[in-house]
């Protein structure tokens, strides 16, 4: 009787092929690093806008324009050389004002506006992978951040998930 010393070459090749098939089919579903990175980047942009808005509101309050005119609109000098349009003391929802307040590059981001709301998306990202900044709607109200992504009920999410990105 011959004693077996180890695995044959064919057995090893079969195991390697099976592991390769599993890696190609299963791993991308569990490891979505690109989507996670895009979500993290959007969270960073959101935080940058919120921080800028804190400073803008402070400048507006110091200038006495945080309440704005009858429609809440005013301008404030934030030290960039260009006056910033504000609505109830916070950055207005226009592409120009977001770029001015946050100093964000339009080379890396696609920034579009629609009646007081600005959509911010990385260049090359899927359609639902964005955040939407909506300017303040009334005195004392904060600007609103939502996402282009929707939950199963059709409601907008606050931030997109990695699967949308």
C-alpha atoms as a PDB file:
ATOM      1  CA  UNK A   1       0.000   0.000   0.000  1.00  0.00           C
ATOM      2  CA  UNK A   2       1.374   3.340  -1.048  1.00  0.00           C
ATOM      3  CA  UNK A   3       1.207   6.205   1.432  1.00  0.00           C
ATOM      4  CA  UNK A   4      -0.107   9.542   0.035  1.00  0.00           C
ATOM      5  CA  UNK A   5       2.386  12.373   0.540  1.00  0.00           C
ATOM      6  CA  UNK A   6       0.252  15.444  -0.397  1.00  0.00           C
ATOM      7  CA  UNK A   7      -2.072  16.920  -2.963  1.00  0.00           C
ATOM      8  CA  UNK A   8      -1.689  16.247  -6.655  1.00  0.00           C
ATOM      9  CA  UNK A   9      -1.091  19.062  -9.102  1.00  0.00           C
ATOM     10  CA  UNK A  10      -4.579  18.655 -10.547  1.00  0.00           C
ATOM     11  CA  UNK A  11      -6.185  19.028  -7.110  1.00  0.00           C
ATOM     12  CA  UNK A  12      -4.219  22.208  -6.463  1.00  0.00           C
ATOM     13  CA  UNK A  13      -5.159  23.683  -9.848  1.00  0.00           C
ATOM     14  CA  UNK A  14      -8.853  22.921  -9.270  1.00  0.00           C
ATOM     15  CA  UNK A  15      -8.780  24.652  -5.861  1.00  0.00           C
ATOM     16  CA  UNK A  16      -7.039  27.705  -7.343  1.00  0.00           C
ATOM     17  CA  UNK A  17      -9.609  27.935 -10.151  1.00  0.00           C
ATOM     18  CA  UNK A  18     -12.496  27.711  -7.674  1.00  0.00           C
ATOM     19  CA  UNK A  19     -10.957  30.429  -5.488  1.00  0.00           C
ATOM     20  CA  UNK A  20     -10.434  32.614  -8.563  1.00  0.00           C
ATOM     21  CA  UNK A  21     -14.076  32.254  -9.598  1.00  0.00           C
ATOM     22  CA  UNK A  22     -15.229  33.148  -6.082  1.00  0.00           C
ATOM     23  CA  UNK A  23     -12.945  36.172  -5.985  1.00  0.00           C
ATOM     24  CA  UNK A  24     -14.195  37.483  -9.322  1.00  0.00           C
ATOM     25  CA  UNK A  25     -17.899  37.030  -8.546  1.00  0.00           C
ATOM     26  CA  UNK A  26     -18.269  37.508  -4.797  1.00  0.00           C
ATOM     27  CA  UNK A  27     -15.575  39.966  -3.738  1.00  0.00           C
ATOM     28  CA  UNK A  28     -16.852  43.061  -5.611  1.00  0.00           C
ATOM     29  CA  UNK A  29     -20.206  42.708  -3.855  1.00  0.00           C
ATOM     30  CA  UNK A  30     -18.574  42.828  -0.447  1.00  0.00           C
ATOM     31  CA  UNK A  31     -15.763  45.257  -1.187  1.00  0.00           C
ATOM     32  CA  UNK A  32     -17.056  48.494  -2.699  1.00  0.00           C
ATOM     33  CA  UNK A  33     -14.089  50.687  -1.900  1.00  0.00           C
ATOM     34  CA  UNK A  34     -14.743  53.194  -4.671  1.00  0.00           C
ATOM     35  CA  UNK A  35     -18.310  53.797  -3.499  1.00  0.00           C
ATOM     36  CA  UNK A  36     -17.185  54.170   0.113  1.00  0.00           C
ATOM     37  CA  UNK A  37     -14.498  56.648  -0.962  1.00  0.00           C
ATOM     38  CA  UNK A  38     -17.006  58.745  -2.914  1.00  0.00           C
ATOM     39  CA  UNK A  39     -19.427  58.835   0.031  1.00  0.00           C
ATOM     40  CA  UNK A  40     -16.595  59.901   2.353  1.00  0.00           C
ATOM     41  CA  UNK A  41     -15.592  62.643  -0.067  1.00  0.00           C
ATOM     42  CA  UNK A  42     -19.187  63.902  -0.234  1.00  0.00           C
ATOM     43  CA  UNK A  43     -19.303  63.938   3.567  1.00  0.00           C
ATOM     44  CA  UNK A  44     -16.147  66.044   3.529  1.00  0.00           C
ATOM     45  CA  UNK A  45     -17.677  68.531   1.088  1.00  0.00           C
ATOM     46  CA  UNK A  46     -20.834  68.691   3.197  1.00  0.00           C
ATOM     47  CA  UNK A  47     -18.750  69.420   6.302  1.00  0.00           C
ATOM     48  CA  UNK A  48     -16.786  72.089   4.407  1.00  0.00           C
ATOM     49  CA  UNK A  49     -20.026  73.819   3.372  1.00  0.00           C
ATOM     50  CA  UNK A  50     -21.387  73.628   6.923  1.00  0.00           C
ATOM     51  CA  UNK A  51     -18.162  75.106   8.329  1.00  0.00           C
ATOM     52  CA  UNK A  52     -18.155  77.848   5.701  1.00  0.00           C
ATOM     53  CA  UNK A  53     -21.798  78.603   6.515  1.00  0.00           C
ATOM     54  CA  UNK A  54     -20.939  79.026  10.197  1.00  0.00           C
ATOM     55  CA  UNK A  55     -18.341  81.612   9.263  1.00  0.00           C
ATOM     56  CA  UNK A  56     -20.631  83.261   6.701  1.00  0.00           C
ATOM     57  CA  UNK A  57     -23.436  83.567   9.257  1.00  0.00           C
ATOM     58  CA  UNK A  58     -21.000  85.100  11.746  1.00  0.00           C
ATOM     59  CA  UNK A  59     -19.845  87.636   9.135  1.00  0.00           C
ATOM     60  CA  UNK A  60     -23.492  88.350   8.244  1.00  0.00           C
ATOM     61  CA  UNK A  61     -24.384  88.921  11.897  1.00  0.00           C
ATOM     62  CA  UNK A  62     -21.407  91.231  12.390  1.00  0.00           C
ATOM     63  CA  UNK A  63     -22.422  93.191   9.286  1.00  0.00           C
ATOM     64  CA  UNK A  64     -26.058  93.280  10.481  1.00  0.00           C
ATOM     65  CA  UNK A  65     -27.435  91.558   7.366  1.00  0.00           C
ATOM     66  CA  UNK A  66     -28.295  88.116   8.786  1.00  0.00           C
ATOM     67  CA  UNK A  67     -32.013  88.850   8.367  1.00  0.00           C
ATOM     68  CA  UNK A  68     -31.540  90.294   4.898  1.00  0.00           C
ATOM     69  CA  UNK A  69     -34.131  92.380   3.103  1.00  0.00           C
ATOM     70  CA  UNK A  70     -37.820  91.502   2.967  1.00  0.00           C
ATOM     71  CA  UNK A  71     -36.956  88.306   1.081  1.00  0.00           C
ATOM     72  CA  UNK A  72     -33.984  87.504   3.350  1.00  0.00           C
ATOM     73  CA  UNK A  73     -31.380  88.282   0.681  1.00  0.00           C
ATOM     74  CA  UNK A  74     -28.254  90.377   1.215  1.00  0.00           C
ATOM     75  CA  UNK A  75     -24.546  90.392   0.419  1.00  0.00           C
ATOM     76  CA  UNK A  76     -21.587  90.128   2.772  1.00  0.00           C
ATOM     77  CA  UNK A  77     -17.837  90.564   2.345  1.00  0.00           C
ATOM     78  CA  UNK A  78     -16.116  87.319   3.383  1.00  0.00           C
ATOM     79  CA  UNK A  79     -12.630  88.446   2.417  1.00  0.00           C
ATOM     80  CA  UNK A  80     -12.332  86.679  -0.939  1.00  0.00           C
ATOM     81  CA  UNK A  81     -12.540  89.875  -2.967  1.00  0.00           C
ATOM     82  CA  UNK A  82     -16.045  89.043  -4.173  1.00  0.00           C
ATOM     83  CA  UNK A  83     -19.131  89.757  -2.078  1.00  0.00           C
ATOM     84  CA  UNK A  84     -21.108  86.628  -1.192  1.00  0.00           C
ATOM     85  CA  UNK A  85     -24.872  86.485  -1.658  1.00  0.00           C
ATOM     86  CA  UNK A  86     -26.587  85.271   1.497  1.00  0.00           C
ATOM     87  CA  UNK A  87     -30.139  84.226   2.265  1.00  0.00           C
ATOM     88  CA  UNK A  88     -31.114  84.710   5.917  1.00  0.00           C
ATOM     89  CA  UNK A  89     -27.404  84.952   6.731  1.00  0.00           C
ATOM     90  CA  UNK A  90     -26.361  81.681   5.033  1.00  0.00           C
ATOM     91  CA  UNK A  91     -24.732  81.075   1.654  1.00  0.00           C
ATOM     92  CA  UNK A  92     -27.211  81.444  -1.203  1.00  0.00           C
ATOM     93  CA  UNK A  93     -28.017  78.355  -3.263  1.00  0.00           C
ATOM     94  CA  UNK A  94     -26.112  79.318  -6.408  1.00  0.00           C
ATOM     95  CA  UNK A  95     -23.062  77.749  -8.017  1.00  0.00           C
ATOM     96  CA  UNK A  96     -21.075  80.989  -7.837  1.00  0.00           C
ATOM     97  CA  UNK A  97     -21.778  81.511  -4.145  1.00  0.00           C
ATOM     98  CA  UNK A  98     -20.961  77.904  -3.145  1.00  0.00           C
ATOM     99  CA  UNK A  99     -17.663  78.060  -5.060  1.00  0.00           C
ATOM    100  CA  UNK A 100     -16.895  81.460  -3.483  1.00  0.00           C
ATOM    101  CA  UNK A 101     -17.722  80.336   0.083  1.00  0.00           C
ATOM    102  CA  UNK A 102     -16.046  76.910   0.031  1.00  0.00           C
ATOM    103  CA  UNK A 103     -13.326  77.458  -2.584  1.00  0.00           C
ATOM    104  CA  UNK A 104     -14.271  74.202  -4.310  1.00  0.00           C
ATOM    105  CA  UNK A 105     -12.805  73.364  -7.717  1.00  0.00           C
ATOM    106  CA  UNK A 106     -15.196  72.988 -10.630  1.00  0.00           C
ATOM    107  CA  UNK A 107     -12.535  70.804 -12.304  1.00  0.00           C
ATOM    108  CA  UNK A 108     -13.150  68.016  -9.768  1.00  0.00           C
ATOM    109  CA  UNK A 109     -16.841  68.604  -9.110  1.00  0.00           C
ATOM    110  CA  UNK A 110     -19.961  68.998 -11.218  1.00  0.00           C
ATOM    111  CA  UNK A 111     -21.981  71.759  -9.576  1.00  0.00           C
ATOM    112  CA  UNK A 112     -25.424  72.631 -10.918  1.00  0.00           C
ATOM    113  CA  UNK A 113     -28.158  74.863  -9.547  1.00  0.00           C
ATOM    114  CA  UNK A 114     -31.928  74.877  -9.681  1.00  0.00           C
ATOM    115  CA  UNK A 115     -34.004  77.549  -7.899  1.00  0.00           C
ATOM    116  CA  UNK A 116     -32.149  77.917  -4.608  1.00  0.00           C
ATOM    117  CA  UNK A 117     -30.677  74.409  -4.582  1.00  0.00           C
ATOM    118  CA  UNK A 118     -27.201  73.338  -5.665  1.00  0.00           C
ATOM    119  CA  UNK A 119     -26.296  69.765  -6.608  1.00  0.00           C
ATOM    120  CA  UNK A 120     -22.665  68.809  -5.971  1.00  0.00           C
ATOM    121  CA  UNK A 121     -21.264  65.643  -7.542  1.00  0.00           C
ATOM    122  CA  UNK A 122     -17.785  64.308  -8.245  1.00  0.00           C
ATOM    123  CA  UNK A 123     -16.843  64.297 -11.903  1.00  0.00           C
ATOM    124  CA  UNK A 124     -17.459  60.778 -13.213  1.00  0.00           C
ATOM    125  CA  UNK A 125     -19.648  59.642 -10.303  1.00  0.00           C
ATOM    126  CA  UNK A 126     -23.011  57.912 -10.914  1.00  0.00           C
ATOM    127  CA  UNK A 127     -26.137  60.086 -11.074  1.00  0.00           C
ATOM    128  CA  UNK A 128     -27.425  59.321  -7.551  1.00  0.00           C
ATOM    129  CA  UNK A 129     -24.060  60.009  -5.920  1.00  0.00           C
ATOM    130  CA  UNK A 130     -24.447  63.664  -4.991  1.00  0.00           C
ATOM    131  CA  UNK A 131     -25.517  66.035  -2.261  1.00  0.00           C
ATOM    132  CA  UNK A 132     -28.023  68.819  -2.704  1.00  0.00           C
ATOM    133  CA  UNK A 133     -27.616  72.052  -0.760  1.00  0.00           C
ATOM    134  CA  UNK A 134     -30.874  73.975  -0.375  1.00  0.00           C
ATOM    135  CA  UNK A 135     -30.545  77.533   0.895  1.00  0.00           C
ATOM    136  CA  UNK A 136     -32.291  78.678   4.064  1.00  0.00           C
ATOM    137  CA  UNK A 137     -36.038  79.117   3.528  1.00  0.00           C
ATOM    138  CA  UNK A 138     -36.864  81.385   6.467  1.00  0.00           C
ATOM    139  CA  UNK A 139     -35.300  83.419   9.242  1.00  0.00           C
ATOM    140  CA  UNK A 140     -33.689  81.098  11.780  1.00  0.00           C
ATOM    141  CA  UNK A 141     -33.879  78.058   9.478  1.00  0.00           C
ATOM    142  CA  UNK A 142     -30.674  76.257   8.546  1.00  0.00           C
ATOM    143  CA  UNK A 143     -29.846  75.286   4.967  1.00  0.00           C
ATOM    144  CA  UNK A 144     -30.851  71.699   4.153  1.00  0.00           C
ATOM    145  CA  UNK A 145     -28.633  68.916   2.815  1.00  0.00           C
ATOM    146  CA  UNK A 146     -30.191  65.982   0.980  1.00  0.00           C
ATOM    147  CA  UNK A 147     -29.029  63.458  -1.558  1.00  0.00           C
ATOM    148  CA  UNK A 148     -30.013  62.500  -5.071  1.00  0.00           C
ATOM    149  CA  UNK A 149     -30.482  58.941  -3.751  1.00  0.00           C
ATOM    150  CA  UNK A 150     -33.886  57.728  -2.580  1.00  0.00           C
ATOM    151  CA  UNK A 151     -34.894  55.090  -0.051  1.00  0.00           C
ATOM    152  CA  UNK A 152     -37.423  52.331  -0.767  1.00  0.00           C
ATOM    153  CA  UNK A 153     -40.305  54.739   0.044  1.00  0.00           C
ATOM    154  CA  UNK A 154     -39.039  57.289  -2.473  1.00  0.00           C
ATOM    155  CA  UNK A 155     -37.846  59.768   0.174  1.00  0.00           C
ATOM    156  CA  UNK A 156     -34.512  61.533  -0.354  1.00  0.00           C
ATOM    157  CA  UNK A 157     -31.663  60.247   1.791  1.00  0.00           C
ATOM    158  CA  UNK A 158     -29.469  62.654   3.714  1.00  0.00           C
ATOM    159  CA  UNK A 159     -26.336  61.078   2.203  1.00  0.00           C
ATOM    160  CA  UNK A 160     -26.034  58.531  -0.585  1.00  0.00           C
ATOM    161  CA  UNK A 161     -24.896  55.029   0.307  1.00  0.00           C
ATOM    162  CA  UNK A 162     -21.895  53.263  -1.195  1.00  0.00           C
ATOM    163  CA  UNK A 163     -24.186  51.291  -3.511  1.00  0.00           C
ATOM    164  CA  UNK A 164     -25.406  54.559  -5.138  1.00  0.00           C
ATOM    165  CA  UNK A 165     -21.839  55.713  -5.625  1.00  0.00           C
END
